[in-house]
Structure formats: structure tokens, C-alpha cells
Amino acid sequence: MAISISRTAILAKEALNYRAAREKMIASNIANADTPYYRPRDIRFGEYLAQKKAEIMNDDRGQLQMAQTSDKHIEAPKPKNTEKPITFFRDGHMARNDGNSVDLDVETTEMSKNSIMFNALINAIKKDGAIFKSVIDASSKIS
């Protein structure tokens, strides 16, 4: 059984994994900038993380809860997580004569944005761990 520092750390770790996967996809797009008929790929995981956050934080906003007025009532099943990260072809840019539609300006911009979000997540995880460590240190001084 793994020790969990906080519920937020679980979500941040999952987001970090998807950011790393997106980094690999963008790097692959840049590496194939000269490959004929190559179409750039990307991953969309915002909706999945929002649903995962609601699940981890027990956030049921926006969902009507079934009333349970007796202990004999059968508990309503929770809806299963149906959203998953989606990989898709990032089209919308003019393809060159060789059929390749990779735009290096778009790819480098997306890589920069992804890198900033990746570093922000790492800093958030470090801060979360530092708070946990300071609580442990403070509790060791009490006795």
C-alpha cells in the first residue's frame, strides 16, 4: 500500500504523466517535420482530468443526488468514468506539397506551453511534499 500525501498529489501525478505523453507526441511531430504525408498528433486530457478531480475530491457539483431516506434502500451506483484522454490529428494547417502538415511554429509553441505546465506541476508537487514534511517536522518537536 502506497502512502498518499494528499489527494491533490494523486491528481498532479496523473496530470504529469499526460504532460509527459504530450511532450513525446510533440517531439515526434517535430522529428517528422520532413516526412511526406505525416499529420501531427496531439492528446487532449483536460476533460478526463476534470472528471478525475471530481472523483478524487468527491465533488458532485452539477449532479443531482438520489435521496436515501431509509437504511434499507439500495445505494445508487456511481457513474463509471467514461471520459478518457483522446489522441487526435491536429489538422487545420495547410499541408505542404509533400502532404506533410507539421507547422514548426505551432509545434514549438505547443511544446513551450506544455513545458511550462509540466514545470508548474513539478513545483506544485514539491510544495505539497514540503508542506507534508513541515507538518512531520513540527509534530516531532511536540512532546
Foldseek 3Di string as FASTA:
>chain_A
DDDDLDLVLVLLVVVLVLLVVQLVQLVVLVVCQPPFQDFRKGKDCPVVSVVVCCVSVVPPPPHDADDDPDPPDDHDDDDDRPDDMDMDGDDDADADPRNYRRDVVVSVVVSVVSVVVSVVSVVVSVVSVVVSVVVVVVVVPPD
